[in-house]
């Protein structure tokens, strides 16, 4: 079969899979809709599984669930899953394209116990050097699991995972505790902002458990110590560590296959960057905002922080090479146009296949710092990481909880932020794409917020795209866009006490680009800010949200003219079916892989 024929077959299968699921769910969800026994059984099983996973979050909602309904936009999405104008395709977000389970690697070359390297589980001595020695040994052996048995381990330094296929595994978040005594300012140094001012970049960067390839980690920390504030992404401190593999012919958003000029440097399994540069008229930024009169009329030139994020760099694996036709692991996130000089390039060596699981990372309790002056009691951060993961992790008393910095295709599952309160419980920035944060909790703070501090929530910024936050229980915070025009991100099946505030410098530009989606959101305190986004985000969707009212921080649209956004099932609570948009789109992946 030709590549074009395979593409047509894929699209036909997609339509049938999604339409089948939509029909089954609609059969039991819409009043008066007839259902066959098979359709009803399929829908009942699907909804029962989803309801079980969502029970914790749903139970804290303040109003009763509304009668279940299938919105019209879902049926549209079934017909155009990869190119819908308001909803992005996020069915392959996360580690290993959204794999349901993390790899266990039973045959790994090294399985190390940190106690054999000198770690003490009674908290009597600094165990950071011993844990790092065990991690390094696993790295030298090509990967493996580093075990941290039950106990409390004192950390006077940070933990760095810098080699691929290394897993740091505790005995469970209730049994293994790492207790951090020092912050990143003490351990590495003051980290100023490359955009000037007296801000501390530890307010949004770095972690006391930091997953970052060794060479990249060294260049970053060397630059910080030298006060040469770096770019933090895939192409080095000065964004110049890349070379062209091949140029790319024009293609449309949603295409899985592209035509390249020279396939000779590409092979299945290769991780490459799709690099799109902007042109003087900023048509790339306009395209990220949905195109049309509003983005065309927007003044981009003075948005210097935003324009520093361009070129757009999207990491993706090559799935197949047939002549000049290259099939990718995920569909294109944007159009590929000649004026943006599209090319596939190299990047700094990525961290792949590494993870951290089954532990609590707790800092000594100190008061939260004034806004943007965090000292760096930060939790678990992934940087220049692809296909990496975290599972069953609690961070407590941290300035910032979990971070994704130039990270892609990573999964954070069963994670929790607790303790005295955080600036960013979750941050996603510097061009992070295709990540999944699933089954997450932000607990209510245990001490009152000091004056001059800020609480954000689940943050996304810096042209980050196609990220998903799913099955969340947010007992404080907000859906924070920190400007920098993130686009095509999804928040779905989340209960939130919306009491945080978003941030973002004016020079970072719009709050939202196109195809932002909020799907099945239960706002327990009725505050609208950044929950209902049909008037703010262009070509986006708010589907299945209870009635909310503006107060406190109220935003206005960045773009003139109609936003071309959708609002469906407004004023309902947990009514929209499918309940979880990621699950529903991920079902398509399973259908296509059979």
Protein backbone atom coordinates (compact mmCIF):
# COMPACT_ATOMS: atom_id res chain seq x y z
CA UNK A 1 0.00 0.00 0.00
CA UNK A 2 1.30 3.49 -0.82
CA UNK A 3 1.95 6.04 1.92
CA UNK A 4 -1.05 8.01 0.67
CA UNK A 5 -3.22 4.89 0.79
CA UNK A 6 -2.01 4.10 4.30
CA UNK A 7 -2.81 7.66 5.35
CA UNK A 8 -6.33 7.39 3.92
CA UNK A 9 -6.84 4.05 5.68
CA UNK A 10 -5.62 5.57 8.96
CA UNK A 11 -8.09 8.42 8.63
CA UNK A 12 -10.96 6.05 7.83
CA UNK A 13 -10.13 3.91 10.85
CA UNK A 14 -9.94 7.04 12.96
CA UNK A 15 -13.41 8.15 11.96
CA UNK A 16 -14.89 4.72 12.59
CA UNK A 17 -13.18 4.31 15.97
CA UNK A 18 -14.17 7.70 17.28
CA UNK A 19 -17.67 7.57 15.82
CA UNK A 20 -18.16 4.11 17.31
CA UNK A 21 -17.15 5.31 20.76
CA UNK A 22 -19.22 8.49 20.43
CA UNK A 23 -22.27 6.47 19.38
CA UNK A 24 -21.89 4.03 22.26
CA UNK A 25 -21.49 6.76 24.85
CA UNK A 26 -24.26 8.87 23.34
CA UNK A 27 -26.63 5.90 23.43
CA UNK A 28 -26.79 5.94 27.21
CA UNK A 29 -26.02 9.61 27.75
CA UNK A 30 -28.63 11.45 25.69
CA UNK A 31 -32.22 11.36 26.88
CA UNK A 32 -34.39 9.44 24.41
CA UNK A 33 -31.50 8.07 22.32
CA UNK A 34 -32.08 4.39 21.48
CA UNK A 35 -29.27 1.94 22.06
CA UNK A 36 -28.52 -1.59 21.00
CA UNK A 37 -27.49 -3.99 23.76
CA UNK A 38 -23.91 -3.98 22.45
CA UNK A 39 -23.74 -0.17 22.38
CA UNK A 40 -25.15 0.09 25.87
CA UNK A 41 -22.70 -2.50 27.22
CA UNK A 42 -19.74 -0.72 25.63
CA UNK A 43 -20.79 2.64 27.00
CA UNK A 44 -21.54 1.28 30.45
CA UNK A 45 -18.13 -0.38 30.75
CA UNK A 46 -16.33 2.73 29.51
CA UNK A 47 -18.19 5.09 31.81
CA UNK A 48 -17.80 2.76 34.83
CA UNK A 49 -14.03 2.63 34.39
CA UNK A 50 -13.78 6.38 33.98
CA UNK A 51 -16.09 7.04 36.92
CA UNK A 52 -13.95 4.87 39.21
CA UNK A 53 -10.81 6.77 38.22
CA UNK A 54 -12.54 10.13 38.71
CA UNK A 55 -14.34 9.39 41.97
CA UNK A 56 -11.96 11.21 44.32
CA UNK A 57 -12.10 14.46 42.39
CA UNK A 58 -15.81 14.28 41.70
CA UNK A 59 -16.70 13.69 45.35
CA UNK A 60 -15.37 17.12 46.33
CA UNK A 61 -17.59 18.97 43.85
CA UNK A 62 -20.16 21.15 45.57
CA UNK A 63 -23.13 20.44 43.28
CA UNK A 64 -24.80 17.27 42.08
CA UNK A 65 -23.80 15.88 38.68
CA UNK A 66 -26.10 16.94 35.86
CA UNK A 67 -27.78 14.46 33.50
CA UNK A 68 -25.13 13.05 31.16
CA UNK A 69 -24.97 14.58 27.69
CA UNK A 70 -22.86 14.28 24.54
CA UNK A 71 -22.01 17.70 23.05
CA UNK A 72 -22.18 18.40 19.34
CA UNK A 73 -18.50 19.31 19.27
CA UNK A 74 -17.64 15.70 20.19
CA UNK A 75 -19.35 14.43 17.04
CA UNK A 76 -17.44 17.00 14.99
CA UNK A 77 -14.19 15.86 16.57
CA UNK A 78 -15.00 12.27 15.60
CA UNK A 79 -15.09 13.36 11.96
CA UNK A 80 -11.89 15.48 12.08
CA UNK A 81 -9.81 14.22 15.03
CA UNK A 82 -6.43 15.56 13.82
CA UNK A 83 -7.55 18.87 12.30
CA UNK A 84 -10.47 20.10 14.38
CA UNK A 85 -10.39 23.93 14.51
CA UNK A 86 -11.00 24.21 18.28
CA UNK A 87 -9.81 20.95 19.89
CA UNK A 88 -6.27 19.53 19.53
CA UNK A 89 -5.46 15.86 19.04
CA UNK A 90 -3.79 14.81 22.30
CA UNK A 91 -4.37 11.04 22.11
CA UNK A 92 -0.64 10.28 22.00
CA UNK A 93 0.46 12.65 24.77
CA UNK A 94 2.75 11.19 27.40
CA UNK A 95 5.56 8.69 27.75
CA UNK A 96 5.70 6.01 25.03
CA UNK A 97 2.84 7.75 23.21
CA UNK A 98 0.58 7.47 26.24
CA UNK A 99 1.37 3.91 27.32
CA UNK A 100 -0.96 2.77 30.08
CA UNK A 101 1.88 1.34 32.19
CA UNK A 102 5.46 2.33 32.80
CA UNK A 103 8.23 -0.09 31.82
CA UNK A 104 9.58 -2.25 34.64
CA UNK A 105 12.82 -3.30 32.92
CA UNK A 106 13.27 -6.57 34.88
CA UNK A 107 16.33 -7.45 32.81
CA UNK A 108 18.17 -4.17 33.38
CA UNK A 109 21.95 -4.43 33.58
CA UNK A 110 22.14 -2.99 37.11
CA UNK A 111 19.78 -3.11 40.06
CA UNK A 112 21.43 -1.11 42.84
CA UNK A 113 20.40 -0.58 46.44
CA UNK A 114 21.41 2.88 47.66
CA UNK A 115 22.37 1.43 51.06
CA UNK A 116 25.16 -0.51 49.37
CA UNK A 117 26.60 2.85 48.28
CA UNK A 118 26.44 4.33 51.77
CA UNK A 119 22.90 5.76 52.14
CA UNK A 120 21.45 5.65 55.65
CA UNK A 121 17.66 5.23 56.05
CA UNK A 122 17.52 6.75 59.55
CA UNK A 123 18.20 10.34 58.44
CA UNK A 124 21.39 10.55 60.49
CA UNK A 125 23.72 11.55 57.62
CA UNK A 126 23.65 13.09 54.17
CA UNK A 127 22.60 10.36 51.72
CA UNK A 128 22.67 12.48 48.55
CA UNK A 129 26.23 11.45 47.54
CA UNK A 130 25.42 7.77 48.03
CA UNK A 131 22.19 7.97 46.02
CA UNK A 132 24.00 9.81 43.23
CA UNK A 133 26.76 7.17 43.25
CA UNK A 134 24.16 4.44 42.80
CA UNK A 135 22.50 6.39 39.97
CA UNK A 136 25.87 6.93 38.27
CA UNK A 137 26.68 3.23 38.52
CA UNK A 138 23.38 2.35 36.85
CA UNK A 139 24.11 4.93 34.16
CA UNK A 140 27.55 3.54 33.43
CA UNK A 141 26.02 0.08 33.06
CA UNK A 142 23.56 1.34 30.44
CA UNK A 143 20.55 1.66 32.72
CA UNK A 144 18.85 -0.06 35.59
CA UNK A 145 16.72 0.38 38.67
CA UNK A 146 18.15 2.09 41.74
CA UNK A 147 16.21 1.00 44.82
CA UNK A 148 15.61 3.18 47.87
CA UNK A 149 14.21 0.92 50.62
CA UNK A 150 11.81 2.22 53.27
CA UNK A 151 13.16 4.91 55.56
CA UNK A 152 13.97 8.61 55.77
CA UNK A 153 17.07 9.71 53.88
CA UNK A 154 18.59 13.12 54.52
CA UNK A 155 19.63 15.09 51.45
CA UNK A 156 22.13 17.92 51.85
CA UNK A 157 22.53 18.00 48.05
CA UNK A 158 20.37 17.48 45.00
CA UNK A 159 19.69 14.19 43.21
CA UNK A 160 20.57 14.17 39.52
CA UNK A 161 19.46 11.52 37.01
CA UNK A 162 21.54 12.20 33.92
CA UNK A 163 21.68 8.88 32.05
CA UNK A 164 18.93 7.27 30.03
CA UNK A 165 17.01 4.19 31.22
CA UNK A 166 17.79 4.80 34.89
CA UNK A 167 14.88 4.48 37.30
CA UNK A 168 15.04 5.74 40.89
CA UNK A 169 12.45 3.68 42.79
CA UNK A 170 11.42 4.01 46.40
CA UNK A 171 9.22 1.61 48.34
CA UNK A 172 6.16 3.86 47.93
CA UNK A 173 5.40 7.48 48.74
CA UNK A 174 4.23 6.52 52.24
CA UNK A 175 7.35 4.44 53.01
CA UNK A 176 10.37 6.15 51.39
CA UNK A 177 11.10 9.78 52.23
CA UNK A 178 13.90 12.03 50.97
CA UNK A 179 14.27 15.01 53.30
CA UNK A 180 15.99 17.97 51.64
CA UNK A 181 17.83 20.41 53.90
CA UNK A 182 19.24 22.86 51.34
CA UNK A 183 17.87 24.79 48.37
CA UNK A 184 19.22 25.29 44.85
CA UNK A 185 20.57 28.76 45.61
CA UNK A 186 22.76 27.21 48.31
CA UNK A 187 23.72 24.21 46.17
CA UNK A 188 24.35 25.87 42.79
CA UNK A 189 24.13 29.63 43.26
CA UNK A 190 21.96 32.64 42.57
CA UNK A 191 20.08 32.21 39.29
CA UNK A 192 19.09 35.53 37.72
CA UNK A 193 16.69 35.99 34.84
CA UNK A 194 17.97 36.31 31.28
CA UNK A 195 15.25 38.93 30.80
CA UNK A 196 16.70 41.23 33.48
CA UNK A 197 15.48 42.48 36.83
CA UNK A 198 16.03 40.97 40.26
CA UNK A 199 13.94 37.84 39.73
CA UNK A 200 15.19 34.42 40.74
CA UNK A 201 14.91 31.86 37.96
CA UNK A 202 14.68 29.20 40.64
CA UNK A 203 11.08 30.43 40.76
CA UNK A 204 10.46 28.34 37.64
CA UNK A 205 13.49 26.14 37.02
CA UNK A 206 15.45 23.24 38.48
CA UNK A 207 14.61 20.54 40.98
CA UNK A 208 16.08 18.81 44.01
CA UNK A 209 15.39 15.67 41.99
CA UNK A 210 16.47 16.82 38.54
CA UNK A 211 16.17 14.59 35.48
CA UNK A 212 18.34 16.14 32.78
CA UNK A 213 21.00 14.64 30.48
CA UNK A 214 24.44 14.92 32.06
CA UNK A 215 26.06 17.13 29.43
CA UNK A 216 23.10 19.52 29.40
CA UNK A 217 22.99 19.63 33.19
CA UNK A 218 26.68 20.51 33.31
CA UNK A 219 26.40 23.33 30.78
CA UNK A 220 23.35 24.75 32.56
CA UNK A 221 24.82 24.73 36.04
CA UNK A 222 28.21 26.00 34.83
CA UNK A 223 26.46 28.95 33.16
CA UNK A 224 24.45 29.70 36.31
CA UNK A 225 27.58 29.69 38.45
CA UNK A 226 29.24 32.02 35.92
CA UNK A 227 26.15 34.29 35.96
CA UNK A 228 25.70 33.80 32.22
CA UNK A 229 21.97 33.18 32.38
CA UNK A 230 21.24 30.50 29.78
CA UNK A 231 18.44 29.46 27.49
CA UNK A 232 17.24 26.17 28.91
CA UNK A 233 15.99 24.23 25.91
CA UNK A 234 16.84 21.57 23.37
CA UNK A 235 19.56 23.46 21.48
CA UNK A 236 21.88 24.67 24.23
CA UNK A 237 22.49 27.74 26.37
CA UNK A 238 22.69 29.99 23.30
CA UNK A 239 20.27 27.96 21.14
CA UNK A 240 23.00 27.20 18.62
CA UNK A 241 23.81 23.51 19.29
CA UNK A 242 22.03 21.97 16.31
CA UNK A 243 22.63 21.06 12.70
CA UNK A 244 20.24 20.44 9.87
CA UNK A 245 19.36 16.86 8.98
CA UNK A 246 17.04 17.77 6.12
CA UNK A 247 14.58 20.40 4.99
CA UNK A 248 10.86 19.60 4.93
CA UNK A 249 8.29 20.17 2.20
CA UNK A 250 4.99 21.98 2.99
CA UNK A 251 2.44 19.94 4.96
CA UNK A 252 -0.74 20.51 6.94
CA UNK A 253 -1.37 20.31 10.65
CA UNK A 254 -2.52 16.81 11.55
CA UNK A 255 -0.41 15.05 8.92
CA UNK A 256 1.53 12.02 10.16
CA UNK A 257 3.82 11.87 7.13
CA UNK A 258 6.06 14.58 5.64
CA UNK A 259 8.20 14.74 2.54
CA UNK A 260 11.87 15.61 3.10
CA UNK A 261 14.63 16.68 0.76
CA UNK A 262 17.23 14.20 2.05
CA UNK A 263 16.18 11.14 4.09
CA UNK A 264 19.75 9.81 4.28
CA UNK A 265 20.32 10.97 7.86
CA UNK A 266 17.02 9.67 9.20
CA UNK A 267 16.15 6.21 10.53
CA UNK A 268 13.19 4.72 12.40
CA UNK A 269 13.47 5.42 16.12
CA UNK A 270 15.52 8.60 15.70
CA UNK A 271 14.52 11.52 17.91
CA UNK A 272 14.65 14.74 15.89
CA UNK A 273 13.50 18.34 16.23
CA UNK A 274 11.02 19.87 13.84
CA UNK A 275 12.26 23.46 13.71
CA UNK A 276 10.01 26.29 12.51
CA UNK A 277 11.39 29.84 12.38
CA UNK A 278 9.14 32.89 12.20
CA UNK A 279 9.21 35.43 9.38
CA UNK A 280 9.36 39.25 9.69
CA UNK A 281 5.55 39.47 9.53
CA UNK A 282 5.22 36.94 12.39
CA UNK A 283 2.94 34.65 10.41
CA UNK A 284 4.11 31.65 12.47
CA UNK A 285 2.91 33.31 15.69
CA UNK A 286 -0.32 34.27 13.92
CA UNK A 287 -0.78 30.63 12.90
CA UNK A 288 -0.28 29.47 16.49
CA UNK A 289 -3.08 31.89 17.42
CA UNK A 290 -5.42 30.46 14.78
CA UNK A 291 -4.73 32.84 11.87
CA UNK A 292 -7.26 35.43 10.73
CA UNK A 293 -7.86 39.15 11.27
CA UNK A 294 -7.38 39.16 15.07
CA UNK A 295 -3.85 37.70 15.11
CA UNK A 296 -2.97 39.68 11.97
CA UNK A 297 -3.88 42.92 13.74
CA UNK A 298 -1.95 42.05 16.91
CA UNK A 299 1.32 43.92 17.48
CA UNK A 300 4.01 41.28 17.98
CA UNK A 301 7.26 43.25 17.66
CA UNK A 302 7.40 44.57 21.24
CA UNK A 303 6.68 41.11 22.74
CA UNK A 304 10.38 40.45 23.15
CA UNK A 305 10.05 37.63 25.66
CA UNK A 306 7.61 35.82 23.39
CA UNK A 307 9.73 36.25 20.27
CA UNK A 308 12.73 34.86 22.15
CA UNK A 309 10.88 31.50 22.28
CA UNK A 310 10.94 31.25 18.47
CA UNK A 311 12.02 29.13 16.57
CA UNK A 312 9.41 26.63 17.65
CA UNK A 313 11.19 23.34 18.40
CA UNK A 314 9.10 20.17 18.53
CA UNK A 315 10.84 16.87 19.43
CA UNK A 316 9.41 13.78 17.76
CA UNK A 317 10.50 10.26 16.92
CA UNK A 318 10.74 9.01 13.36
CA UNK A 319 8.40 6.04 12.96
CA UNK A 320 9.16 5.07 9.34
CA UNK A 321 11.25 6.17 6.37
CA UNK A 322 10.18 5.20 2.87
CA UNK A 323 12.09 7.07 0.25
CA UNK A 324 11.53 10.77 0.86
CA UNK A 325 8.35 10.12 2.90
CA UNK A 326 8.91 10.16 6.66
CA UNK A 327 6.19 9.08 9.09
CA UNK A 328 6.31 10.58 12.58
CA UNK A 329 5.29 9.21 15.98
CA UNK A 330 2.70 11.99 16.35
CA UNK A 331 0.80 14.13 13.84
CA UNK A 332 2.16 17.57 12.96
CA UNK A 333 1.26 20.18 15.60
CA UNK A 334 1.18 23.04 13.07
CA UNK A 335 1.20 23.64 9.36
CA UNK A 336 4.62 23.43 7.74
CA UNK A 337 5.07 26.38 5.38
CA UNK A 338 8.10 27.40 3.28
CA UNK A 339 8.27 30.89 4.80
CA UNK A 340 9.12 29.32 8.18
CA UNK A 341 12.24 27.54 6.88
CA UNK A 342 11.03 24.12 8.09
CA UNK A 343 13.68 21.53 8.79
CA UNK A 344 14.43 18.48 10.90
CA UNK A 345 17.49 19.05 13.05
CA UNK A 346 19.68 17.54 15.72
CA UNK A 347 19.50 18.63 19.37
CA UNK A 348 21.42 18.22 22.59
CA UNK A 349 21.44 14.58 23.63
CA UNK A 350 18.11 13.84 25.31
CA UNK A 351 17.38 11.88 28.46
CA UNK A 352 15.08 8.99 27.53
CA UNK A 353 13.46 6.11 29.38
CA UNK A 354 14.30 7.37 32.87
CA UNK A 355 11.91 7.72 35.76
CA UNK A 356 11.35 8.23 39.45
CA UNK A 357 8.72 6.41 41.49
CA UNK A 358 7.44 5.59 44.94
CA UNK A 359 8.78 8.27 47.25
CA UNK A 360 8.09 11.53 49.08
CA UNK A 361 10.45 14.46 48.62
CA UNK A 362 10.09 16.80 51.56
CA UNK A 363 11.97 20.02 52.27
CA UNK A 364 12.66 21.40 55.69
CA UNK A 365 9.73 23.71 56.29
CA UNK A 366 10.63 27.34 55.61
CA UNK A 367 8.29 30.27 54.88
CA UNK A 368 7.34 30.76 51.24
CA UNK A 369 9.53 33.43 49.62
CA UNK A 370 8.20 36.70 48.19
CA UNK A 371 6.96 36.46 44.63
CA UNK A 372 9.68 35.66 42.05
CA UNK A 373 12.38 35.43 44.73
CA UNK A 374 12.22 31.68 45.35
CA UNK A 375 15.43 30.16 46.68
CA UNK A 376 14.88 26.81 44.99
CA UNK A 377 13.28 24.34 47.33
CA UNK A 378 11.90 22.71 44.18
CA UNK A 379 10.60 19.19 43.71
CA UNK A 380 10.99 16.92 40.66
CA UNK A 381 11.91 18.54 37.33
CA UNK A 382 12.31 17.04 33.85
CA UNK A 383 14.53 18.97 31.43
CA UNK A 384 15.54 18.02 27.88
CA UNK A 385 13.81 14.72 28.67
CA UNK A 386 11.73 12.61 26.27
CA UNK A 387 9.77 9.46 27.15
CA UNK A 388 10.52 9.86 30.86
CA UNK A 389 8.13 9.50 33.77
CA UNK A 390 7.19 9.88 37.43
CA UNK A 391 4.73 7.77 39.42
CA UNK A 392 3.53 7.84 43.04
CA UNK A 393 5.50 10.92 44.05
CA UNK A 394 4.62 13.41 46.80
CA UNK A 395 6.45 16.72 47.19
CA UNK A 396 5.96 18.65 50.41
CA UNK A 397 6.93 22.14 51.64
CA UNK A 398 8.33 23.06 48.22
CA UNK A 399 8.62 26.43 46.46
CA UNK A 400 7.72 24.70 43.20
CA UNK A 401 6.42 21.16 42.91
CA UNK A 402 6.83 19.40 39.55
CA UNK A 403 8.53 20.96 36.53
CA UNK A 404 8.62 20.35 32.78
CA UNK A 405 11.29 22.51 31.15
CA UNK A 406 11.90 21.81 27.45
CA UNK A 407 10.52 18.36 28.24
CA UNK A 408 8.39 16.33 25.85
CA UNK A 409 6.44 13.05 25.81
CA UNK A 410 6.79 12.61 29.58
CA UNK A 411 4.13 11.30 31.98
CA UNK A 412 3.58 12.35 35.58
CA UNK A 413 1.05 10.01 37.16
CA UNK A 414 -0.24 9.79 40.75
CA UNK A 415 1.61 12.91 41.89
CA UNK A 416 0.74 15.17 44.80
CA UNK A 417 1.82 18.61 46.04
CA UNK A 418 1.37 19.13 49.78
CA UNK A 419 2.59 21.18 52.72
CA UNK A 420 3.05 24.87 53.40
CA UNK A 421 2.09 26.11 49.92
CA UNK A 422 3.88 26.49 46.58
CA UNK A 423 4.44 29.22 44.03
CA UNK A 424 4.00 26.84 41.06
CA UNK A 425 2.66 23.44 42.13
CA UNK A 426 3.17 22.35 38.47
CA UNK A 427 5.05 24.32 35.83
CA UNK A 428 5.34 23.57 32.10
CA UNK A 429 7.49 25.96 30.09
CA UNK A 430 10.32 26.67 27.64
CA UNK A 431 8.76 24.78 24.75
CA UNK A 432 7.48 21.64 26.49
CA UNK A 433 5.17 19.49 24.37
CA UNK A 434 3.04 16.32 24.40
CA UNK A 435 3.32 15.73 28.16
CA UNK A 436 0.66 14.08 30.33
CA UNK A 437 -0.03 14.95 33.98
CA UNK A 438 -2.60 12.39 35.10
CA UNK A 439 -4.23 11.71 38.50
CA UNK A 440 -2.70 14.69 40.25
CA UNK A 441 -3.56 16.43 43.52
CA UNK A 442 -2.77 19.87 44.89
CA UNK A 443 -3.60 19.83 48.59
CA UNK A 444 -4.79 22.83 50.55
CA UNK A 445 -1.85 24.61 52.13
CA UNK A 446 -1.07 23.82 55.76
CA UNK A 447 0.03 27.36 56.74
CA UNK A 448 -1.38 30.76 55.71
CA UNK A 449 0.24 32.40 52.68
CA UNK A 450 2.80 35.03 53.70
CA UNK A 451 2.38 38.55 52.32
CA UNK A 452 3.80 39.26 48.84
CA UNK A 453 3.61 35.63 47.72
CA UNK A 454 1.70 34.18 44.78
CA UNK A 455 -0.12 30.92 44.12
CA UNK A 456 -0.55 29.81 40.51
CA UNK A 457 -1.53 26.17 39.95
CA UNK A 458 -1.09 24.13 36.79
CA UNK A 459 1.08 26.47 34.76
CA UNK A 460 1.82 26.45 31.05
CA UNK A 461 3.75 29.04 29.03
CA UNK A 462 6.47 29.65 26.46
CA UNK A 463 4.86 28.20 23.27
CA UNK A 464 4.33 24.89 25.08
CA UNK A 465 1.78 22.79 23.22
CA UNK A 466 -0.28 19.57 23.24
CA UNK A 467 0.14 19.02 26.97
CA UNK A 468 -2.64 17.40 29.03
CA UNK A 469 -3.70 17.72 32.67
CA UNK A 470 -6.18 14.96 33.50
CA UNK A 471 -8.08 13.67 36.55
CA UNK A 472 -7.02 16.46 38.88
CA UNK A 473 -8.06 17.31 42.42
CA UNK A 474 -7.00 20.93 42.91
CA UNK A 475 -7.91 22.09 46.40
CA UNK A 476 -6.26 25.42 45.61
CA UNK A 477 -4.70 27.17 42.61
CA UNK A 478 -5.85 28.02 39.11
CA UNK A 479 -5.36 27.04 35.47
CA UNK A 480 -2.36 29.29 35.07
CA UNK A 481 -1.36 30.54 31.65
CA UNK A 482 1.78 32.57 32.21
CA UNK A 483 1.40 34.21 28.82
CA UNK A 484 4.07 33.25 26.26
CA UNK A 485 1.13 32.02 24.10
CA UNK A 486 0.85 28.34 24.97
CA UNK A 487 -1.50 26.67 22.48
CA UNK A 488 -3.35 23.39 21.88
CA UNK A 489 -3.27 22.29 25.52
CA UNK A 490 -6.04 20.38 27.32
CA UNK A 491 -7.31 20.33 30.91
CA UNK A 492 -9.91 17.62 31.44
CA UNK A 493 -11.85 15.96 34.28
CA UNK A 494 -10.60 18.28 37.03
CA UNK A 495 -12.19 19.57 40.23
CA UNK A 496 -10.73 22.92 41.30
CA UNK A 497 -11.08 25.46 44.08
CA UNK A 498 -10.16 28.37 41.82
CA UNK A 499 -8.38 30.69 44.26
CA UNK A 500 -5.03 31.31 42.55
CA UNK A 501 -3.90 33.99 40.12
CA UNK A 502 -2.14 33.69 36.80
CA UNK A 503 1.14 35.45 36.07
CA UNK A 504 3.03 36.53 33.00
CA UNK A 505 5.04 39.52 31.81
CA UNK A 506 3.41 41.78 29.21
CA UNK A 507 6.41 41.21 26.93
CA UNK A 508 5.47 37.52 26.85
CA UNK A 509 2.42 38.28 24.74
CA UNK A 510 -0.95 36.50 24.65
CA UNK A 511 -2.40 34.34 27.40
CA UNK A 512 -3.54 31.72 24.89
CA UNK A 513 -3.02 30.59 21.37
CA UNK A 514 -5.47 28.43 19.45
CA UNK A 515 -7.06 25.10 20.36
CA UNK A 516 -6.99 25.38 24.13
CA UNK A 517 -9.62 23.05 25.60
CA UNK A 518 -11.21 22.85 29.04
CA UNK A 519 -13.40 19.73 29.17
CA UNK A 520 -15.40 18.60 32.22
CA UNK A 521 -14.22 21.15 34.76
CA UNK A 522 -15.88 21.35 38.18
CA UNK A 523 -15.23 24.75 39.81
CA UNK A 524 -16.29 24.45 43.44
CA UNK A 525 -16.18 28.18 44.31
CA UNK A 526 -17.76 29.54 41.13
CA UNK A 527 -14.85 31.74 40.08
CA UNK A 528 -14.54 32.09 36.31
CA UNK A 529 -10.96 33.32 35.90
CA UNK A 530 -9.11 31.11 33.36
CA UNK A 531 -11.75 28.35 33.70
CA UNK A 532 -14.30 29.52 31.15
CA UNK A 533 -12.13 30.67 28.24
CA UNK A 534 -14.53 31.02 25.32
CA UNK A 535 -14.14 34.81 25.44
CA UNK A 536 -10.35 34.75 25.89
CA UNK A 537 -8.75 31.93 23.89
CA UNK A 538 -9.03 32.01 20.08
CA UNK A 539 -10.36 28.94 18.26
CA UNK A 540 -10.73 27.08 21.56
CA UNK A 541 -13.38 25.17 23.51
CA UNK A 542 -14.92 25.18 26.99
CA UNK A 543 -17.12 22.09 27.31
CA UNK A 544 -18.92 20.84 30.40
CA UNK A 545 -18.31 23.42 33.12
CA UNK A 546 -20.60 24.55 35.94
CA UNK A 547 -21.80 28.15 36.09
CA UNK A 548 -19.02 30.57 37.06
CA UNK A 549 -18.77 34.32 37.69
CA UNK A 550 -15.91 36.75 37.13
CA UNK A 551 -14.27 38.33 40.16
CA UNK A 552 -10.82 39.42 41.35
CA UNK A 553 -8.44 38.88 38.39
CA UNK A 554 -10.46 39.51 35.22
CA UNK A 555 -8.82 39.31 31.79
CA UNK A 556 -9.69 40.75 28.40
CA UNK A 557 -9.01 39.10 25.03
CA UNK A 558 -5.61 39.65 23.50
CA UNK A 559 -6.98 39.59 19.95
CA UNK A 560 -9.62 41.78 18.34
CA UNK A 561 -12.72 40.45 16.65
CA UNK A 562 -14.68 37.26 17.35
CA UNK A 563 -12.59 34.56 19.04
CA UNK A 564 -14.23 31.69 17.08
CA UNK A 565 -14.33 29.68 20.33
CA UNK A 566 -16.99 27.29 21.55
CA UNK A 567 -18.94 26.98 24.79
CA UNK A 568 -21.05 23.84 25.26
CA UNK A 569 -22.84 22.29 28.23
CA UNK A 570 -22.28 25.44 30.27
CA UNK A 571 -23.90 25.31 33.69
CA UNK A 572 -23.60 21.54 34.03
CA UNK A 573 -21.57 19.53 36.53
CA UNK A 574 -19.83 16.33 35.44
CA UNK A 575 -22.39 15.93 32.65
CA UNK A 576 -20.30 15.86 29.49
CA UNK A 577 -19.70 12.49 27.87
CA UNK A 578 -17.08 11.32 27.28
CA UNK A 579 -16.08 12.49 30.74
CA UNK A 580 -12.33 12.56 30.05
CA UNK A 581 -11.21 13.95 26.69
CA UNK A 582 -7.74 12.43 26.90
CA UNK A 583 -9.11 8.94 27.53
CA UNK A 584 -11.52 9.30 24.65
CA UNK A 585 -8.83 10.42 22.21
CA UNK A 586 -6.40 7.84 23.54
CA UNK A 587 -8.91 5.10 22.68
CA UNK A 588 -8.29 6.07 19.07
CA UNK A 589 -4.61 5.22 19.51
CA UNK A 590 -5.48 1.76 20.75
CA UNK A 591 -7.83 1.20 17.82
CA UNK A 592 -5.20 2.25 15.29
CA UNK A 593 -2.51 0.08 16.86
CA UNK A 594 -4.55 -3.14 16.59
